[in-house]
C-alpha cells in the first residue's frame, strides 16, 4: 500500500505580545499637584501673618476657604497619581 505524504509543518512562532497600556500621568500632573498644595499653604500663611489683610482683604475669612480649597484640590490629585 502506498504511503501518503505528510504535510510540511510550519515553524512555531510565538504569539505577538499585546501592547502594554501606558500607565502613569502626563508630565504636567505632579508639578500642578504640588503647586496647588504649596500655593494653598502660602495663601493661608500669608493670611495669618498679615493679620487678615492679605491676599484679598475684602474676602475676609473666605481667604481660609480659598487656601484650604487649593490644598484639598492638590490632595485630591494625589489619589490619581500613578
N, C-alpha and C. Protein backbone atom coordinates (compact mmCIF):
# COMPACT_ATOMS: atom_id res chain seq x y z
N UNK A 1 0.84 -1.16 0.00
CA UNK A 1 0.00 0.00 0.00
C UNK A 1 0.90 1.23 0.00
N UNK A 2 0.55 2.24 -0.83
CA UNK A 2 1.41 3.42 -0.89
C UNK A 2 1.25 4.27 0.36
N UNK A 3 2.34 4.90 0.71
CA UNK A 3 2.36 5.74 1.92
C UNK A 3 2.02 7.17 1.51
N UNK A 4 1.12 7.84 2.27
CA UNK A 4 0.74 9.21 1.93
C UNK A 4 1.81 10.19 2.40
N UNK A 5 1.90 11.29 1.68
CA UNK A 5 2.87 12.30 2.07
C UNK A 5 2.29 13.13 3.21
N UNK A 6 3.10 13.42 4.19
CA UNK A 6 2.67 14.26 5.30
C UNK A 6 2.77 15.74 4.93
N UNK A 7 1.99 16.53 5.61
CA UNK A 7 2.07 17.97 5.35
C UNK A 7 3.32 18.55 6.02
N UNK A 8 3.88 19.54 5.38
CA UNK A 8 5.04 20.22 5.96
C UNK A 8 4.54 21.10 7.10
N UNK A 9 5.13 20.92 8.26
CA UNK A 9 4.71 21.70 9.41
C UNK A 9 5.44 23.04 9.41
N UNK A 10 4.69 24.06 9.75
CA UNK A 10 5.30 25.38 9.85
C UNK A 10 6.09 25.47 11.15
N UNK A 11 7.11 26.30 11.12
CA UNK A 11 7.90 26.52 12.33
C UNK A 11 7.04 27.28 13.34
N UNK A 12 7.23 26.97 14.60
CA UNK A 12 6.44 27.60 15.65
C UNK A 12 6.84 29.07 15.79
N UNK A 13 5.85 29.94 15.79
CA UNK A 13 6.08 31.36 16.06
C UNK A 13 5.23 31.74 17.26
N UNK A 14 5.86 32.36 18.19
CA UNK A 14 5.15 32.76 19.40
C UNK A 14 4.15 33.86 19.07
N UNK A 15 3.01 33.87 19.77
CA UNK A 15 2.03 34.93 19.51
C UNK A 15 2.61 36.29 19.90
N UNK A 16 2.18 37.30 19.20
CA UNK A 16 2.67 38.65 19.47
C UNK A 16 2.22 39.10 20.86
N UNK A 17 3.11 39.77 21.56
CA UNK A 17 2.77 40.27 22.89
C UNK A 17 1.85 41.47 22.74
N UNK A 18 0.79 41.51 23.54
CA UNK A 18 -0.09 42.67 23.45
C UNK A 18 0.63 43.91 23.98
N UNK A 19 0.33 45.03 23.38
CA UNK A 19 0.96 46.28 23.81
C UNK A 19 0.50 46.62 25.23
N UNK A 20 1.45 46.99 26.06
CA UNK A 20 1.10 47.35 27.43
C UNK A 20 0.42 48.71 27.42
N UNK A 21 -0.66 48.83 28.16
CA UNK A 21 -1.28 50.15 28.23
C UNK A 21 -0.36 51.10 29.00
N UNK A 22 -0.36 52.34 28.58
CA UNK A 22 0.50 53.33 29.22
C UNK A 22 -0.03 53.62 30.61
N UNK A 23 0.80 53.34 31.60
CA UNK A 23 0.42 53.58 32.98
C UNK A 23 1.21 54.78 33.46
N UNK A 24 0.51 55.71 34.04
CA UNK A 24 1.17 56.90 34.54
C UNK A 24 0.38 58.15 34.21
N UNK A 25 0.92 59.24 34.62
CA UNK A 25 0.25 60.51 34.42
C UNK A 25 1.02 61.33 33.39
N UNK A 26 0.35 62.33 32.85
CA UNK A 26 1.07 63.23 31.95
C UNK A 26 2.15 63.99 32.73
N UNK A 27 3.13 64.52 32.03
CA UNK A 27 4.24 65.16 32.74
C UNK A 27 3.85 66.40 33.54
N UNK A 28 2.74 67.02 33.25
CA UNK A 28 2.33 68.23 33.97
C UNK A 28 1.61 67.92 35.28
N UNK A 29 1.26 66.67 35.52
CA UNK A 29 0.40 66.32 36.64
C UNK A 29 1.03 66.61 38.00
N UNK A 30 2.23 66.11 38.21
CA UNK A 30 2.89 66.27 39.52
C UNK A 30 3.22 67.73 39.82
N UNK A 31 3.76 68.50 38.85
CA UNK A 31 4.00 69.92 39.16
C UNK A 31 2.73 70.69 39.52
N UNK A 32 1.63 70.41 38.84
CA UNK A 32 0.37 71.09 39.16
C UNK A 32 -0.11 70.69 40.54
N UNK A 33 -0.01 69.41 40.86
CA UNK A 33 -0.44 68.91 42.16
C UNK A 33 0.35 69.58 43.28
N UNK A 34 1.66 69.62 43.15
CA UNK A 34 2.50 70.23 44.18
C UNK A 34 2.28 71.74 44.26
N UNK A 35 2.09 72.37 43.11
CA UNK A 35 1.86 73.82 43.09
C UNK A 35 0.57 74.17 43.81
N UNK A 36 -0.48 73.40 43.60
CA UNK A 36 -1.75 73.67 44.29
C UNK A 36 -1.60 73.54 45.80
N UNK A 37 -0.89 72.51 46.24
CA UNK A 37 -0.74 72.33 47.68
C UNK A 37 0.12 73.43 48.31
N UNK A 38 1.21 73.80 47.65
CA UNK A 38 2.08 74.84 48.19
C UNK A 38 1.40 76.20 48.12
N UNK A 39 0.71 76.49 47.03
CA UNK A 39 0.00 77.76 46.89
C UNK A 39 -1.08 77.91 47.95
N UNK A 40 -1.81 76.84 48.23
CA UNK A 40 -2.82 76.88 49.28
C UNK A 40 -2.21 77.12 50.65
N UNK A 41 -1.09 76.47 50.91
CA UNK A 41 -0.41 76.66 52.18
C UNK A 41 0.09 78.10 52.31
N UNK A 42 0.69 78.63 51.27
CA UNK A 42 1.16 80.01 51.29
C UNK A 42 0.01 81.00 51.46
N UNK A 43 -1.12 80.71 50.82
CA UNK A 43 -2.29 81.59 50.94
C UNK A 43 -2.73 81.70 52.40
N UNK A 44 -2.82 80.57 53.08
CA UNK A 44 -3.25 80.57 54.48
C UNK A 44 -2.20 81.22 55.37
N UNK A 45 -0.93 80.94 55.15
CA UNK A 45 0.14 81.51 55.96
C UNK A 45 0.18 83.03 55.80
N UNK A 46 0.09 83.51 54.57
CA UNK A 46 0.09 84.96 54.33
C UNK A 46 -1.13 85.60 54.99
N UNK A 47 -2.26 84.95 54.95
CA UNK A 47 -3.47 85.47 55.58
C UNK A 47 -3.25 85.68 57.07
N UNK A 48 -2.63 84.71 57.73
CA UNK A 48 -2.42 84.83 59.17
C UNK A 48 -1.28 85.79 59.52
N UNK A 49 -0.21 85.76 58.76
CA UNK A 49 0.94 86.62 59.07
C UNK A 49 0.59 88.10 58.90
N UNK A 50 -0.23 88.43 57.93
CA UNK A 50 -0.57 89.83 57.66
C UNK A 50 -1.80 90.29 58.44
N UNK A 51 -2.15 89.61 59.48
CA UNK A 51 -3.31 89.96 60.32
C UNK A 51 -4.58 90.10 59.51
N UNK A 52 -4.80 89.16 58.61
CA UNK A 52 -6.02 89.02 57.82
C UNK A 52 -6.24 90.19 56.85
N UNK A 53 -5.15 90.82 56.37
CA UNK A 53 -5.27 91.92 55.41
C UNK A 53 -4.98 91.46 53.99
N UNK A 54 -4.13 90.46 53.83
CA UNK A 54 -3.77 89.96 52.50
C UNK A 54 -4.10 88.50 52.44
N UNK A 55 -4.19 87.83 51.38
CA UNK A 55 -4.06 88.17 49.97
C UNK A 55 -5.18 89.05 49.45
N UNK A 56 -6.43 88.84 49.86
CA UNK A 56 -7.54 89.69 49.38
C UNK A 56 -8.31 90.13 50.62
N UNK A 57 -8.15 91.40 50.99
CA UNK A 57 -8.74 91.88 52.23
C UNK A 57 -10.28 91.86 52.22
N UNK A 58 -10.87 92.12 51.07
CA UNK A 58 -12.33 92.19 51.00
C UNK A 58 -13.01 90.83 51.22
N UNK A 59 -12.27 89.75 51.06
CA UNK A 59 -12.86 88.42 51.25
C UNK A 59 -12.94 88.02 52.71
N UNK A 60 -12.15 88.66 53.54
CA UNK A 60 -12.18 88.33 54.97
C UNK A 60 -11.76 86.90 55.21
N UNK A 61 -12.54 86.18 56.01
CA UNK A 61 -12.19 84.81 56.36
C UNK A 61 -12.37 83.82 55.21
N UNK A 62 -12.98 84.25 54.12
CA UNK A 62 -13.09 83.38 52.95
C UNK A 62 -11.72 83.08 52.36
N UNK A 63 -10.73 83.88 52.73
CA UNK A 63 -9.36 83.57 52.31
C UNK A 63 -8.93 82.20 52.82
N UNK A 64 -9.38 81.83 54.00
CA UNK A 64 -9.07 80.49 54.52
C UNK A 64 -9.71 79.41 53.65
N UNK A 65 -10.93 79.67 53.23
CA UNK A 65 -11.61 78.70 52.36
C UNK A 65 -10.89 78.53 51.04
N UNK A 66 -10.39 79.64 50.49
CA UNK A 66 -9.65 79.56 49.23
C UNK A 66 -8.35 78.77 49.44
N UNK A 67 -7.63 79.09 50.51
CA UNK A 67 -6.37 78.39 50.78
C UNK A 67 -6.57 76.90 51.00
N UNK A 68 -7.55 76.56 51.83
CA UNK A 68 -7.80 75.14 52.08
C UNK A 68 -8.37 74.45 50.84
N UNK A 69 -9.14 75.18 50.04
CA UNK A 69 -9.65 74.61 48.79
C UNK A 69 -8.51 74.26 47.83
N UNK A 70 -7.52 75.15 47.74
CA UNK A 70 -6.36 74.86 46.89
C UNK A 70 -5.60 73.64 47.40
N UNK A 71 -5.41 73.58 48.71
CA UNK A 71 -4.69 72.43 49.28
C UNK A 71 -5.47 71.13 49.06
N UNK A 72 -6.78 71.17 49.24
CA UNK A 72 -7.59 69.96 49.04
C UNK A 72 -7.61 69.54 47.58
N UNK A 73 -7.58 70.50 46.67
CA UNK A 73 -7.52 70.16 45.24
C UNK A 73 -6.22 69.41 44.94
N UNK A 74 -5.11 69.91 45.49
CA UNK A 74 -3.84 69.22 45.30
C UNK A 74 -3.85 67.84 45.94
N UNK A 75 -4.44 67.75 47.13
CA UNK A 75 -4.51 66.45 47.79
C UNK A 75 -5.39 65.48 47.01
N UNK A 76 -6.48 65.97 46.44
CA UNK A 76 -7.35 65.10 45.63
C UNK A 76 -6.61 64.57 44.42
N UNK A 77 -5.69 65.38 43.89
CA UNK A 77 -4.90 64.90 42.74
C UNK A 77 -3.96 63.77 43.14
N UNK A 78 -3.55 63.73 44.41
CA UNK A 78 -2.65 62.66 44.82
C UNK A 78 -3.32 61.30 44.75
N UNK A 79 -4.64 61.26 44.83
CA UNK A 79 -5.33 59.97 44.74
C UNK A 79 -5.30 59.41 43.32
N UNK A 80 -5.04 60.24 42.34
CA UNK A 80 -4.96 59.79 40.94
C UNK A 80 -3.52 59.65 40.44
N UNK A 81 -2.56 59.93 41.31
CA UNK A 81 -1.16 59.89 40.93
C UNK A 81 -0.70 58.45 40.78
N UNK A 82 -0.09 58.13 39.67
CA UNK A 82 0.41 56.76 39.42
C UNK A 82 1.88 56.81 39.12
